[in-house]
């Protein structure tokens, strides 16, 4: 069995947990390959490796990997999809960040997580992605997002108008700071902070959530994920921003593009005791009266 480990800089208070994680991998005779820059960070912070470590930098280095482990917050987890791509390698997130909807395994659960993977005691959640298609191939072959694709203004002094079409039929012109096109997975991310609805991951839907719309009667809209969205942008500036999860580019205002569901999905590992409802209650603190 072989794990690929991805991460970035980690708060010093979690280093002892990371050392325990690698010690557990060694005790379970698990082969490991670590993302090159993360490996160097671990060495610089005195993490000891009893097992033999190799390094990887791209999907081509992951051909014999059984599980992909993300160590960090949800932002770190989102970066893993550009490495895993369409390989269907299951991903597990160990949370050393903040909220952690995607990186849901706490550092206290490391031993349990490794045991569950070894014994096959887990579920696989298939998560849909959204891709963006433009003539200029702005994001190369990593033109997809797990949470959301966001169209937003590049200048804080003016709004943009987002002319939106569903299967070439006109839907609406959003006069706003921007528009979030979200997957069900992303319904608990940026869209939620803009009053978007929470969807179950298996909902097979896309959420359109305007960012600070000028018209107060404009509300988030849920559409089937077999729809193809197309857009034209108007603004007083020469460009606007397109963000795929945490990656973004400045785009010329005359750019036209389409957004649709990708043919491939991402496989998320869910431990048996980590249901979506449990995650919602724990992360959003539902049912907890802070006055007591």
Protein backbone atom coordinates (compact mmCIF):
# COMPACT_ATOMS: atom_id res chain seq x y z
CA UNK A 1 0.00 0.00 0.00
CA UNK A 2 1.26 3.48 -0.87
CA UNK A 3 0.18 6.96 0.25
CA UNK A 4 0.90 10.29 -1.42
CA UNK A 5 1.18 13.13 1.09
CA UNK A 6 0.51 16.77 0.16
CA UNK A 7 0.76 19.87 2.34
CA UNK A 8 2.26 23.31 2.77
CA UNK A 9 3.55 25.19 5.78
CA UNK A 10 1.97 23.96 9.00
CA UNK A 11 1.57 25.75 12.30
CA UNK A 12 4.25 24.72 14.77
CA UNK A 13 1.65 23.39 17.23
CA UNK A 14 0.76 20.60 14.77
CA UNK A 15 4.29 19.33 14.15
CA UNK A 16 4.09 16.72 16.90
CA UNK A 17 0.89 15.37 15.30
CA UNK A 18 2.63 15.21 11.92
CA UNK A 19 5.50 13.28 13.49
CA UNK A 20 2.96 10.87 14.99
CA UNK A 21 1.32 10.52 11.55
CA UNK A 22 4.57 9.41 9.87
CA UNK A 23 5.37 7.11 12.80
CA UNK A 24 1.96 5.45 12.36
CA UNK A 25 2.59 4.99 8.64
CA UNK A 26 5.87 3.28 9.47
CA UNK A 27 4.22 1.00 12.05
CA UNK A 28 1.71 -0.05 9.40
CA UNK A 29 4.42 -0.68 6.75
CA UNK A 30 2.95 1.89 4.38
CA UNK A 31 5.08 3.25 1.53
CA UNK A 32 5.07 7.04 1.24
CA UNK A 33 5.72 9.67 -1.40
CA UNK A 34 5.62 13.32 -0.32
CA UNK A 35 5.14 16.46 -2.37
CA UNK A 36 8.65 17.84 -2.87
CA UNK A 37 8.27 21.28 -1.29
CA UNK A 38 6.32 19.85 1.65
CA UNK A 39 9.00 17.22 2.16
CA UNK A 40 11.62 19.95 2.43
CA UNK A 41 9.46 21.86 4.92
CA UNK A 42 9.17 18.76 7.10
CA UNK A 43 12.93 18.16 7.01
CA UNK A 44 13.59 21.77 7.94
CA UNK A 45 11.25 21.36 10.91
CA UNK A 46 13.00 18.22 12.19
CA UNK A 47 10.33 15.66 11.28
CA UNK A 48 11.99 12.24 11.47
CA UNK A 49 11.28 9.54 8.89
CA UNK A 50 11.91 5.90 9.76
CA UNK A 51 10.44 4.77 6.45
CA UNK A 52 11.91 5.42 3.01
CA UNK A 53 10.52 8.60 1.42
CA UNK A 54 10.22 9.48 -2.26
CA UNK A 55 9.02 12.78 -3.70
CA UNK A 56 6.39 13.67 -6.29
CA UNK A 57 5.51 16.83 -8.22
CA UNK A 58 2.78 15.89 -10.69
CA UNK A 59 0.11 13.33 -11.56
CA UNK A 60 2.59 11.30 -13.57
CA UNK A 61 4.42 10.50 -10.31
CA UNK A 62 1.27 8.99 -8.73
CA UNK A 63 0.66 5.91 -10.87
CA UNK A 64 1.09 3.36 -8.05
CA UNK A 65 -0.54 5.43 -5.27
CA UNK A 66 -3.53 3.97 -3.39
CA UNK A 67 -4.51 6.99 -1.27
CA UNK A 68 -3.81 10.71 -1.42
CA UNK A 69 -3.56 12.51 1.94
CA UNK A 70 -3.94 16.28 2.24
CA UNK A 71 -2.54 17.85 5.42
CA UNK A 72 -3.79 21.39 6.04
CA UNK A 73 -7.07 23.25 5.69
CA UNK A 74 -9.69 23.21 2.95
CA UNK A 75 -7.54 25.51 0.80
CA UNK A 76 -4.76 22.92 0.81
CA UNK A 77 -7.27 20.19 0.02
CA UNK A 78 -8.58 22.13 -2.98
CA UNK A 79 -5.07 22.26 -4.43
CA UNK A 80 -4.87 18.47 -4.47
CA UNK A 81 -7.42 18.17 -7.28
CA UNK A 82 -4.94 19.73 -9.73
CA UNK A 83 -2.54 16.89 -8.89
CA UNK A 84 -5.00 13.99 -8.71
CA UNK A 85 -6.92 15.21 -11.80
CA UNK A 86 -8.91 12.34 -13.35
CA UNK A 87 -6.85 9.51 -11.82
CA UNK A 88 -9.66 8.68 -9.35
CA UNK A 89 -7.18 8.31 -6.44
CA UNK A 90 -9.25 8.70 -3.22
CA UNK A 91 -8.36 11.77 -1.13
CA UNK A 92 -8.46 12.12 2.66
CA UNK A 93 -8.00 15.48 4.38
CA UNK A 94 -6.31 15.84 7.79
CA UNK A 95 -7.25 19.21 9.21
CA UNK A 96 -4.55 21.53 10.54
CA UNK A 97 -6.43 24.60 9.34
CA UNK A 98 -9.62 26.27 10.51
CA UNK A 99 -13.16 25.15 9.65
CA UNK A 100 -12.41 22.05 7.59
CA UNK A 101 -15.45 20.85 5.64
CA UNK A 102 -13.20 18.94 3.21
CA UNK A 103 -10.27 18.31 5.57
CA UNK A 104 -12.56 16.80 8.17
CA UNK A 105 -10.22 14.39 10.00
CA UNK A 106 -8.77 15.98 13.13
CA UNK A 107 -5.21 15.34 14.30
CA UNK A 108 -6.69 13.35 17.22
CA UNK A 109 -8.15 10.92 14.67
CA UNK A 110 -4.91 10.17 12.78
CA UNK A 111 -4.46 6.65 14.16
CA UNK A 112 -8.13 5.84 13.55
CA UNK A 113 -7.92 7.19 9.98
CA UNK A 114 -4.87 5.08 9.08
CA UNK A 115 -6.47 2.00 10.63
CA UNK A 116 -9.70 2.64 8.68
CA UNK A 117 -7.82 2.97 5.39
CA UNK A 118 -5.82 -0.20 6.09
CA UNK A 119 -8.97 -2.19 6.87
CA UNK A 120 -11.13 -0.58 4.16
CA UNK A 121 -13.47 0.81 6.81
CA UNK A 122 -14.58 3.97 5.01
CA UNK A 123 -16.95 5.31 2.36
CA UNK A 124 -16.16 7.05 -0.94
CA UNK A 125 -18.05 10.22 -1.80
CA UNK A 126 -18.01 11.13 -5.49
CA UNK A 127 -17.89 14.91 -5.84
CA UNK A 128 -18.70 16.78 -9.04
CA UNK A 129 -16.44 19.45 -10.52
CA UNK A 130 -17.09 22.45 -12.72
CA UNK A 131 -14.91 23.33 -15.71
CA UNK A 132 -14.48 26.60 -17.56
CA UNK A 133 -13.92 26.69 -21.30
CA UNK A 134 -12.47 29.71 -23.11
CA UNK A 135 -10.71 30.21 -26.41
CA UNK A 136 -7.52 31.18 -24.56
CA UNK A 137 -7.39 28.13 -22.25
CA UNK A 138 -6.78 30.37 -19.26
CA UNK A 139 -6.10 27.60 -16.75
CA UNK A 140 -4.54 25.02 -19.07
CA UNK A 141 -5.55 21.42 -18.36
CA UNK A 142 -6.44 22.29 -14.73
CA UNK A 143 -9.47 24.31 -15.81
CA UNK A 144 -11.83 22.92 -13.15
CA UNK A 145 -12.93 23.63 -9.59
CA UNK A 146 -14.26 21.50 -6.74
CA UNK A 147 -15.94 24.31 -4.77
CA UNK A 148 -16.77 27.12 -7.14
CA UNK A 149 -15.91 29.25 -10.13
CA UNK A 150 -16.24 32.94 -9.33
CA UNK A 151 -16.59 35.88 -11.71
CA UNK A 152 -15.90 39.15 -9.96
CA UNK A 153 -14.89 42.74 -10.45
CA UNK A 154 -11.22 43.66 -10.56
CA UNK A 155 -11.81 47.27 -9.48
CA UNK A 156 -13.36 48.00 -6.09
CA UNK A 157 -14.92 51.25 -7.33
CA UNK A 158 -17.41 49.76 -9.81
CA UNK A 159 -19.72 46.80 -10.28
CA UNK A 160 -19.83 44.43 -13.23
CA UNK A 161 -22.78 43.12 -15.23
CA UNK A 162 -22.80 39.37 -15.78
CA UNK A 163 -25.10 38.38 -18.66
CA UNK A 164 -25.96 34.75 -17.98
CA UNK A 165 -27.39 32.06 -20.28
CA UNK A 166 -28.55 28.47 -19.62
CA UNK A 167 -28.17 26.21 -22.65
CA UNK A 168 -28.02 29.40 -24.74
CA UNK A 169 -31.29 30.72 -23.30
CA UNK A 170 -31.02 34.07 -21.53
CA UNK A 171 -31.43 33.83 -17.74
CA UNK A 172 -30.51 37.16 -16.19
CA UNK A 173 -28.10 40.07 -16.14
CA UNK A 174 -26.51 40.19 -12.70
CA UNK A 175 -25.51 43.75 -11.79
CA UNK A 176 -23.28 42.99 -8.81
CA UNK A 177 -19.77 42.66 -7.44
CA UNK A 178 -19.68 39.25 -9.07
CA UNK A 179 -21.31 35.84 -9.44
CA UNK A 180 -20.44 32.53 -7.74
CA UNK A 181 -21.08 29.35 -9.71
CA UNK A 182 -20.90 26.64 -7.07
CA UNK A 183 -21.00 22.86 -6.84
CA UNK A 184 -22.90 21.19 -3.96
CA UNK A 185 -19.50 20.69 -2.30
CA UNK A 186 -18.93 24.46 -2.53
CA UNK A 187 -22.31 25.26 -1.02
CA UNK A 188 -20.62 25.42 2.40
CA UNK A 189 -17.84 27.71 1.11
CA UNK A 190 -17.94 31.17 -0.54
CA UNK A 191 -21.55 30.74 -1.66
CA UNK A 192 -22.66 30.18 1.95
CA UNK A 193 -21.05 33.46 3.05
CA UNK A 194 -23.15 35.21 0.38
CA UNK A 195 -26.39 33.69 1.71
CA UNK A 196 -26.42 30.76 -0.70
CA UNK A 197 -28.21 27.53 0.27
CA UNK A 198 -26.53 24.42 1.70
CA UNK A 199 -26.88 21.37 -0.57
CA UNK A 200 -26.13 17.73 0.04
CA UNK A 201 -23.04 16.68 -1.95
CA UNK A 202 -25.11 14.25 -4.04
CA UNK A 203 -27.63 16.89 -5.12
CA UNK A 204 -26.53 16.98 -8.80
CA UNK A 205 -27.05 20.73 -8.91
CA UNK A 206 -25.26 24.00 -9.55
CA UNK A 207 -25.83 27.12 -7.43
CA UNK A 208 -25.72 30.62 -8.89
CA UNK A 209 -25.09 33.07 -6.05
CA UNK A 210 -24.70 36.80 -6.78
CA UNK A 211 -22.14 38.75 -4.76
CA UNK A 212 -23.69 41.95 -3.35
CA UNK A 213 -26.30 42.33 -6.13
CA UNK A 214 -27.60 45.82 -6.83
CA UNK A 215 -31.16 44.52 -7.34
CA UNK A 216 -32.52 43.24 -4.04
CA UNK A 217 -34.96 40.84 -5.72
CA UNK A 218 -32.08 38.80 -7.17
CA UNK A 219 -31.57 35.65 -5.11
CA UNK A 220 -29.41 32.50 -5.34
CA UNK A 221 -30.69 30.02 -7.91
CA UNK A 222 -30.30 26.23 -8.01
CA UNK A 223 -30.18 24.61 -11.44
CA UNK A 224 -29.59 21.02 -12.67
CA UNK A 225 -25.90 20.27 -13.22
CA UNK A 226 -26.50 19.05 -16.79
CA UNK A 227 -26.99 22.67 -17.88
CA UNK A 228 -24.26 24.52 -19.78
CA UNK A 229 -23.78 28.09 -18.59
CA UNK A 230 -22.38 30.83 -20.80
CA UNK A 231 -21.52 34.40 -19.87
CA UNK A 232 -20.72 37.84 -21.21
CA UNK A 233 -19.30 40.51 -18.93
CA UNK A 234 -19.78 44.27 -19.04
CA UNK A 235 -17.81 46.71 -16.91
CA UNK A 236 -16.18 50.14 -16.91
CA UNK A 237 -12.80 48.45 -16.64
CA UNK A 238 -10.76 46.50 -19.18
CA UNK A 239 -10.73 43.25 -17.21
CA UNK A 240 -12.42 41.16 -14.54
CA UNK A 241 -11.30 38.28 -12.31
CA UNK A 242 -12.02 34.59 -12.77
CA UNK A 243 -11.28 32.34 -9.78
CA UNK A 244 -11.28 28.54 -9.74
CA UNK A 245 -11.37 27.74 -6.04
CA UNK A 246 -8.20 29.50 -4.81
CA UNK A 247 -6.63 30.04 -8.25
CA UNK A 248 -7.45 33.23 -10.14
CA UNK A 249 -6.58 35.18 -13.27
CA UNK A 250 -7.33 38.63 -14.65
CA UNK A 251 -9.32 38.25 -17.87
CA UNK A 252 -10.00 40.77 -20.70
CA UNK A 253 -13.54 42.12 -20.53
CA UNK A 254 -14.44 40.84 -24.01
CA UNK A 255 -13.76 37.22 -23.07
CA UNK A 256 -16.71 34.84 -23.52
CA UNK A 257 -16.74 31.43 -21.89
CA UNK A 258 -18.79 28.44 -20.80
CA UNK A 259 -19.03 26.60 -17.49
CA UNK A 260 -20.27 23.04 -17.15
CA UNK A 261 -19.90 19.87 -15.09
CA UNK A 262 -16.74 17.90 -15.84
CA UNK A 263 -16.87 14.29 -17.11
CA UNK A 264 -14.73 13.11 -14.17
CA UNK A 265 -15.39 13.34 -10.44
CA UNK A 266 -13.18 13.51 -7.35
CA UNK A 267 -13.26 10.66 -4.81
CA UNK A 268 -13.35 11.86 -1.20
CA UNK A 269 -12.68 9.40 1.59
CA UNK A 270 -15.21 9.62 4.40
CA UNK A 271 -14.63 7.73 7.63
CA UNK A 272 -17.64 5.74 8.82
CA UNK A 273 -18.43 8.10 11.67
CA UNK A 274 -18.11 11.24 9.50
CA UNK A 275 -21.54 11.77 7.94
CA UNK A 276 -22.46 14.99 6.14
CA UNK A 277 -25.01 15.85 8.85
CA UNK A 278 -22.42 15.31 11.59
CA UNK A 279 -20.03 17.61 9.74
CA UNK A 280 -22.69 20.32 9.38
CA UNK A 281 -23.61 20.19 13.05
CA UNK A 282 -20.00 20.21 14.23
CA UNK A 283 -18.62 22.85 11.85
CA UNK A 284 -21.61 25.23 12.01
CA UNK A 285 -22.24 24.52 15.71
CA UNK A 286 -25.91 23.73 15.15
CA UNK A 287 -27.82 22.83 18.30
CA UNK A 288 -25.21 24.45 20.57
CA UNK A 289 -26.46 27.26 22.80
CA UNK A 290 -23.43 29.52 23.38
CA UNK A 291 -25.28 31.24 26.25
CA UNK A 292 -24.90 28.13 28.46
